[in-house]
C-alpha atoms as a PDB file:
ATOM      1  CA  MET A   1      10.477  39.436  14.448  1.00  0.00           C
ATOM      2  CA  PHE A   2       8.777  41.774  11.898  1.00  0.00           C
ATOM      3  CA  LYS A   3       8.393  45.661  11.083  1.00  0.00           C
ATOM      4  CA  ILE A   4       4.631  46.571  10.112  1.00  0.00           C
ATOM      5  CA  ASP A   5       4.483  49.401   8.380  1.00  0.00           C
ATOM      6  CA  ALA A   6       1.671  51.002   7.851  1.00  0.00           C
ATOM      7  CA  ILE A   7       0.371  54.290   6.103  1.00  0.00           C
ATOM      8  CA  VAL A   8      -3.449  54.776   6.610  1.00  0.00           C
ATOM      9  CA  ARG A   9      -5.653  57.934   6.373  1.00  0.00           C
ATOM     10  CA  GLU A  10      -4.957  60.375   9.035  1.00  0.00           C
ATOM     11  CA  GLU A  11      -8.396  60.812  10.558  1.00  0.00           C
ATOM     12  CA  ILE A  12      -7.728  57.463  11.530  1.00  0.00           C
ATOM     13  CA  TYR A  13      -4.833  57.810  14.175  1.00  0.00           C
ATOM     14  CA  GLU A  14      -6.659  58.119  17.324  1.00  0.00           C
ATOM     15  CA  GLU A  15      -8.911  55.075  16.904  1.00  0.00           C
ATOM     16  CA  LEU A  16      -6.032  53.044  15.400  1.00  0.00           C
ATOM     17  CA  LYS A  17      -3.708  54.117  18.313  1.00  0.00           C
ATOM     18  CA  ASP A  18      -6.052  52.937  20.517  1.00  0.00           C
ATOM     19  CA  ALA A  19      -6.877  49.654  19.156  1.00  0.00           C
ATOM     20  CA  LEU A  20      -3.659  48.986  19.026  1.00  0.00           C
ATOM     21  CA  ASN A  21      -3.158  49.658  22.789  1.00  0.00           C
ATOM     22  CA  ASN A  22      -6.077  47.497  23.549  1.00  0.00           C
ATOM     23  CA  ILE A  23      -4.391  44.517  21.953  1.00  0.00           C
ATOM     24  CA  ASN A  24      -1.025  45.490  23.776  1.00  0.00           C
ATOM     25  CA  VAL A  25       0.698  47.029  21.544  1.00  0.00           C
ATOM     26  CA  HIS A  26       2.127  49.731  22.867  1.00  0.00           C
ATOM     27  CA  GLY A  27       5.029  50.443  21.146  1.00  0.00           C
ATOM     28  CA  MET A  28       5.048  52.309  17.923  1.00  0.00           C
ATOM     29  CA  THR A  29       6.584  55.263  16.123  1.00  0.00           C
ATOM     30  CA  VAL A  30       4.101  57.027  13.885  1.00  0.00           C
ATOM     31  CA  SER A  31       4.461  60.036  11.595  1.00  0.00           C
ATOM     32  CA  GLN A  32       2.833  62.493   9.512  1.00  0.00           C
ATOM     33  CA  VAL A  33       3.910  61.554   5.803  1.00  0.00           C
ATOM     34  CA  MET A  34       2.177  62.637   2.310  1.00  0.00           C
ATOM     35  CA  GLY A  35       1.640  60.257   0.068  1.00  0.00           C
ATOM     36  CA  CYS A  36       0.214  59.497  -3.563  1.00  0.00           C
ATOM     37  CA  GLY A  37      -1.668  56.594  -5.081  1.00  0.00           C
ATOM     38  CA  TYR A  38      -4.553  55.841  -6.196  1.00  0.00           C
ATOM     39  CA  GLN A  39      -6.503  58.306  -4.378  1.00  0.00           C
ATOM     40  CA  LYS A  40      -5.633  60.790  -7.191  1.00  0.00           C
ATOM     41  CA  GLY A  41      -5.721  63.780  -4.961  1.00  0.00           C
ATOM     42  CA  TYR A  42      -7.892  66.924  -5.510  1.00  0.00           C
ATOM     43  CA  GLN A  43      -8.191  70.247  -7.418  1.00  0.00           C
ATOM     44  CA  THR A  44      -8.052  73.425  -5.607  1.00  0.00           C
ATOM     45  CA  ILE A  45      -7.714  77.462  -6.548  1.00  0.00           C
ATOM     46  CA  VAL A  46      -4.336  79.125  -5.531  1.00  0.00           C
ATOM     47  CA  ARG A  47      -4.348  83.053  -6.417  1.00  0.00           C
ATOM     48  CA  GLY A  48      -6.545  82.250  -9.567  1.00  0.00           C
ATOM     49  CA  SER A  49      -4.870  79.378 -11.025  1.00  0.00           C
ATOM     50  CA  ARG A  50      -6.327  75.612 -10.943  1.00  0.00           C
ATOM     51  CA  VAL A  51      -3.799  73.426  -8.643  1.00  0.00           C
ATOM     52  CA  ASP A  52      -3.664  69.739  -8.949  1.00  0.00           C
ATOM     53  CA  VAL A  53      -2.761  68.598  -5.134  1.00  0.00           C
ATOM     54  CA  ASN A  54      -1.359  64.519  -5.731  1.00  0.00           C
ATOM     55  CA  MET A  55       0.711  64.106  -2.220  1.00  0.00           C
ATOM     56  CA  LEU A  56      -2.059  63.539   0.350  1.00  0.00           C
ATOM     57  CA  PRO A  57      -1.259  63.602   4.249  1.00  0.00           C
ATOM     58  CA  LYS A  58      -1.347  60.159   5.518  1.00  0.00           C
ATOM     59  CA  ILE A  59      -0.466  58.701   8.957  1.00  0.00           C
ATOM     60  CA  LYS A  60       2.652  56.192   8.855  1.00  0.00           C
ATOM     61  CA  PHE A  61       2.698  53.401  12.192  1.00  0.00           C
ATOM     62  CA  GLU A  62       5.831  51.357  13.010  1.00  0.00           C
ATOM     63  CA  ILE A  63       5.635  48.756  14.481  1.00  0.00           C
ATOM     64  CA  VAL A  64       7.507  45.547  15.422  1.00  0.00           C
ATOM     65  CA  VAL A  65       6.402  42.305  16.770  1.00  0.00           C
ATOM     66  CA  SER A  66       8.402  39.454  18.049  1.00  0.00           C
ATOM     67  CA  THR A  67       6.098  36.147  16.166  1.00  0.00           C
ATOM     68  CA  GLU A  68       4.251  35.871  13.208  1.00  0.00           C
ATOM     69  CA  GLU A  69       1.249  34.904  15.040  1.00  0.00           C
ATOM     70  CA  TRP A  70       1.568  39.038  16.211  1.00  0.00           C
ATOM     71  CA  MET A  71       2.613  40.338  12.986  1.00  0.00           C
ATOM     72  CA  LYS A  72      -0.874  38.684  11.073  1.00  0.00           C
ATOM     73  CA  LYS A  73      -3.265  39.768  14.496  1.00  0.00           C
ATOM     74  CA  VAL A  74      -1.431  43.551  14.290  1.00  0.00           C
ATOM     75  CA  VAL A  75      -2.179  43.365  10.175  1.00  0.00           C
ATOM     76  CA  ASN A  76      -5.452  42.172  10.595  1.00  0.00           C
ATOM     77  CA  LEU A  77      -6.483  44.978  13.014  1.00  0.00           C
ATOM     78  CA  ILE A  78      -4.852  47.613  10.941  1.00  0.00           C
ATOM     79  CA  CYS A  79      -7.053  46.082   7.887  1.00  0.00           C
ATOM     80  CA  MET A  80     -10.506  46.247  10.303  1.00  0.00           C
ATOM     81  CA  VAL A  81      -9.801  49.594  11.419  1.00  0.00           C
ATOM     82  CA  ALA A  82      -8.353  51.446   8.395  1.00  0.00           C
ATOM     83  CA  TYR A  83     -11.100  49.750   5.790  1.00  0.00           C
ATOM     84  CA  THR A  84     -14.194  52.043   4.070  1.00  0.00           C
ATOM     85  CA  GLY A  85     -13.713  50.333   0.781  1.00  0.00           C
ATOM     86  CA  ASN A  86     -12.589  53.408  -1.067  1.00  0.00           C
ATOM     87  CA  PRO A  87      -9.249  54.776  -2.521  1.00  0.00           C
ATOM     88  CA  GLY A  88      -6.785  55.911  -0.139  1.00  0.00           C
ATOM     89  CA  ASP A  89      -7.294  53.587   2.778  1.00  0.00           C
ATOM     90  CA  GLY A  90      -4.017  52.718   2.618  1.00  0.00           C
ATOM     91  CA  LYS A  91      -1.062  49.770   2.438  1.00  0.00           C
ATOM     92  CA  ILE A  92       0.983  47.672   4.954  1.00  0.00           C
ATOM     93  CA  PHE A  93       4.125  46.504   4.477  1.00  0.00           C
ATOM     94  CA  VAL A  94       5.693  43.687   6.383  1.00  0.00           C
ATOM     95  CA  TYR A  95       9.063  42.850   6.529  1.00  0.00           C
ATOM     96  CA  ASP A  96      11.511  40.246   7.893  1.00  0.00           C
ATOM     97  CA  LEU A  97      13.417  41.890  10.963  1.00  0.00           C
ATOM     98  CA  LYS A  98      17.143  40.273  10.769  1.00  0.00           C
ATOM     99  CA  ASP A  99      17.726  42.517  14.802  1.00  0.00           C
ATOM    100  CA  VAL A 100      16.972  45.575  16.821  1.00  0.00           C
ATOM    101  CA  ILE A 101      20.095  46.964  18.922  1.00  0.00           C
ATOM    102  CA  ARG A 102      18.804  49.238  21.957  1.00  0.00           C
ATOM    103  CA  ILE A 103      21.370  51.467  22.146  1.00  0.00           C
ATOM    104  CA  ARG A 104      21.601  52.344  25.605  1.00  0.00           C
ATOM    105  CA  THR A 105      21.991  48.439  27.075  1.00  0.00           C
ATOM    106  CA  GLY A 106      23.424  46.851  23.484  1.00  0.00           C
ATOM    107  CA  GLN A 107      20.665  44.730  24.008  1.00  0.00           C
ATOM    108  CA  HIS A 108      19.626  42.576  20.822  1.00  0.00           C
ATOM    109  CA  GLY A 109      16.609  40.988  19.355  1.00  0.00           C
ATOM    110  CA  ASN A 110      13.297  40.691  21.661  1.00  0.00           C
ATOM    111  CA  GLU A 111      15.087  41.727  24.862  1.00  0.00           C
ATOM    112  CA  ALA A 112      15.902  45.351  22.880  1.00  0.00           C
ATOM    113  CA  ILE A 113      12.002  45.817  22.202  1.00  0.00           C
ATOM    114  CA  TYR A 114      10.329  44.639  25.231  1.00  0.00           C
ATOM    115  CA  GLU A 115      11.544  45.869  28.719  1.00  0.00           C
ATOM    116  CA  LYS A 116      12.001  42.973  31.518  1.00  0.00           C
ATOM    117  CA  GLU A 117       8.534  43.667  32.933  1.00  0.00           C
ATOM    118  CA  ALA A 118       6.820  43.224  29.591  1.00  0.00           C
ATOM    119  CA  ALA A 119       9.028  40.608  28.321  1.00  0.00           C
ATOM    120  CA  ASP A 120       7.909  38.543  31.608  1.00  0.00           C
ATOM    121  CA  SER A 121       4.495  39.032  31.216  1.00  0.00           C
ATOM    122  CA  GLN A 122       5.058  38.028  27.401  1.00  0.00           C
ATOM    123  CA  ASP A 123       5.966  34.744  28.307  1.00  0.00           C
ATOM    124  CA  GLU A 124       3.348  34.225  30.787  1.00  0.00           C
ATOM    125  CA  THR A 125       0.827  35.582  28.140  1.00  0.00           C
ATOM    126  CA  ALA A 126       2.782  34.593  25.050  1.00  0.00           C
ATOM    127  CA  ASP A 127       1.354  37.835  23.679  1.00  0.00           C
ATOM    128  CA  GLY A 128       4.665  38.420  21.770  1.00  0.00           C
ATOM    129  CA  ALA A 129       3.632  42.137  20.969  1.00  0.00           C
ATOM    130  CA  GLY A 130       5.364  44.159  23.730  1.00  0.00           C
ATOM    131  CA  LYS A 131       4.316  46.801  25.838  1.00  0.00           C
END
């Protein structure tokens, strides 16, 4: 299992969410975050004084997938949708995931990620990304 954290421009939220849904990635956590990096930020005037704004609003997608094949598929999709070629496109972090526990049932691993119906269809289609 892999966890993918993607921090991207907030204006691509809907487009990326829809693109992930289109490849049957429906389970995700999305957060509004602030970040800084090569994008540098901007200057603004507050009460007559110049202020540097270095922490910029971003969107963080957290996605768990069951296979390396699906990890690569999701990462490639995020890169395709998020790419502008300019500083601030974002970052993707990929982690090996040791375990997942569904608190309600005590299930572990893939069973904790996918509902039974989705897991059955996942076996049939080998999509690995969950529904």
